[in-house]
């Protein structure tokens, strides 16, 4: 299995998280209960990007460390997507917006799960 496939799915996972984060922080969509400033949203995305890049870099530099670092990042952001699913369901937004959020978060969870499966296969193949 090529490492580029694993890295590509990690970036798709980050992209899904970024879309869900943007949807949850946009006040016009009415998905959150508290107002979130644009700077806070960008700060959260920057932290996510750094963590994903750190995990990907660890995968390239040290195989076992990279497995654990990227796996931990994927689990953490999967919990964020689950939280977005629950918050979106309880929000006052319209049904179309809720459905879009739910679908995007579900796609993100599936991608995260598949990336963890790829990580596990890659780890077993390299040992």
Protein backbone atom coordinates (compact mmCIF):
# COMPACT_ATOMS: atom_id res chain seq x y z
CA UNK A 1 0.00 0.00 0.00
CA UNK A 2 1.32 3.38 -0.90
CA UNK A 3 1.80 5.95 1.78
CA UNK A 4 0.40 8.64 -0.53
CA UNK A 5 -3.05 7.04 -0.31
CA UNK A 6 -2.95 7.25 3.46
CA UNK A 7 -1.83 10.88 3.35
CA UNK A 8 -4.52 11.73 0.78
CA UNK A 9 -7.24 10.35 3.04
CA UNK A 10 -5.78 12.28 5.99
CA UNK A 11 -6.11 15.50 3.97
CA UNK A 12 -9.67 14.60 2.94
CA UNK A 13 -10.41 14.06 6.63
CA UNK A 14 -9.03 17.52 7.43
CA UNK A 15 -11.08 19.02 4.60
CA UNK A 16 -14.30 17.44 5.94
CA UNK A 17 -13.51 18.70 9.43
CA UNK A 18 -12.84 22.17 8.03
CA UNK A 19 -16.22 22.30 6.29
CA UNK A 20 -18.05 21.12 9.41
CA UNK A 21 -16.11 23.63 11.54
CA UNK A 22 -17.01 26.44 9.14
CA UNK A 23 -20.68 25.43 9.14
CA UNK A 24 -20.80 25.25 12.93
CA UNK A 25 -19.15 28.66 13.38
CA UNK A 26 -21.10 30.62 10.75
CA UNK A 27 -23.75 32.62 12.59
CA UNK A 28 -26.08 32.85 9.56
CA UNK A 29 -26.64 29.08 9.61
CA UNK A 30 -27.79 29.14 13.28
CA UNK A 31 -26.12 25.85 14.15
CA UNK A 32 -24.42 26.96 17.37
CA UNK A 33 -25.77 28.28 20.63
CA UNK A 34 -22.99 30.82 21.27
CA UNK A 35 -21.49 33.32 18.89
CA UNK A 36 -18.10 32.30 17.56
CA UNK A 37 -15.87 34.94 16.04
CA UNK A 38 -14.20 34.35 12.70
CA UNK A 39 -10.76 34.51 14.32
CA UNK A 40 -11.65 31.65 16.65
CA UNK A 41 -12.77 29.54 13.72
CA UNK A 42 -9.52 30.17 11.85
CA UNK A 43 -7.52 29.49 14.99
CA UNK A 44 -9.26 26.12 15.38
CA UNK A 45 -8.61 25.27 11.74
CA UNK A 46 -4.97 26.26 12.06
CA UNK A 47 -4.54 24.04 15.11
CA UNK A 48 -6.21 21.17 13.24
CA UNK A 49 -3.95 21.71 10.23
CA UNK A 50 -0.84 21.71 12.41
CA UNK A 51 -1.91 18.51 14.16
CA UNK A 52 -2.72 16.76 10.88
CA UNK A 53 0.60 17.88 9.36
CA UNK A 54 2.44 16.77 12.48
CA UNK A 55 0.82 13.34 12.21
CA UNK A 56 1.63 13.06 8.51
CA UNK A 57 5.21 14.18 9.09
CA UNK A 58 5.53 11.62 11.89
CA UNK A 59 4.27 8.92 9.51
CA UNK A 60 7.05 9.75 7.04
CA UNK A 61 9.80 10.10 9.64
CA UNK A 62 9.08 7.36 12.15
CA UNK A 63 6.64 4.65 11.19
CA UNK A 64 5.46 3.54 14.63
CA UNK A 65 5.32 7.03 16.11
CA UNK A 66 3.45 8.25 13.03
CA UNK A 67 0.86 5.51 13.42
CA UNK A 68 0.08 6.60 16.97
CA UNK A 69 0.22 10.36 16.34
CA UNK A 70 -1.99 10.33 13.25
CA UNK A 71 -4.33 7.80 14.84
CA UNK A 72 -4.72 10.03 17.89
CA UNK A 73 -5.40 13.08 15.72
CA UNK A 74 -8.05 11.17 13.77
CA UNK A 75 -9.75 9.97 16.97
CA UNK A 76 -9.76 13.48 18.44
CA UNK A 77 -11.31 15.04 15.35
CA UNK A 78 -13.77 12.15 15.02
CA UNK A 79 -15.04 13.11 18.47
CA UNK A 80 -15.40 16.67 17.19
CA UNK A 81 -17.45 15.43 14.25
CA UNK A 82 -19.67 13.39 16.57
CA UNK A 83 -20.18 16.51 18.68
CA UNK A 84 -21.12 18.45 15.54
CA UNK A 85 -23.63 15.76 14.64
CA UNK A 86 -25.31 16.05 18.02
CA UNK A 87 -25.17 19.86 18.13
CA UNK A 88 -26.53 20.17 14.61
CA UNK A 89 -29.41 17.89 15.43
CA UNK A 90 -30.36 20.06 18.42
CA UNK A 91 -29.95 23.41 16.65
CA UNK A 92 -32.60 25.82 15.42
CA UNK A 93 -31.39 25.73 11.81
CA UNK A 94 -33.53 24.73 8.86
CA UNK A 95 -33.82 21.09 7.88
CA UNK A 96 -31.72 21.51 4.72
CA UNK A 97 -28.83 23.02 6.66
CA UNK A 98 -29.09 20.35 9.36
CA UNK A 99 -29.11 17.65 6.69
CA UNK A 100 -26.06 19.15 4.97
CA UNK A 101 -24.19 19.28 8.28
CA UNK A 102 -25.20 15.73 9.19
CA UNK A 103 -24.13 14.39 5.79
CA UNK A 104 -20.79 16.23 5.87
CA UNK A 105 -20.04 15.06 9.41
CA UNK A 106 -21.02 11.49 8.51
CA UNK A 107 -18.73 11.58 5.46
CA UNK A 108 -15.95 12.89 7.70
CA UNK A 109 -16.49 10.05 10.17
CA UNK A 110 -16.43 7.44 7.41
CA UNK A 111 -13.23 8.94 5.98
CA UNK A 112 -11.66 9.00 9.45
CA UNK A 113 -12.61 5.37 10.04
CA UNK A 114 -11.21 4.32 6.67
CA UNK A 115 -8.01 6.27 7.32
CA UNK A 116 -7.57 4.43 10.62
CA UNK A 117 -8.11 1.15 8.74
CA UNK A 118 -5.44 2.21 6.23
CA UNK A 119 -3.13 3.14 9.11
CA UNK A 120 -3.62 -0.27 10.70
CA UNK A 121 -2.98 -2.10 7.42
CA UNK A 122 0.10 0.02 6.81
CA UNK A 123 1.40 -0.70 10.30
CA UNK A 124 0.95 -4.45 9.92
CA UNK A 125 2.60 -4.38 6.51
CA UNK A 126 5.67 -2.50 7.75
CA UNK A 127 6.22 -4.76 10.79
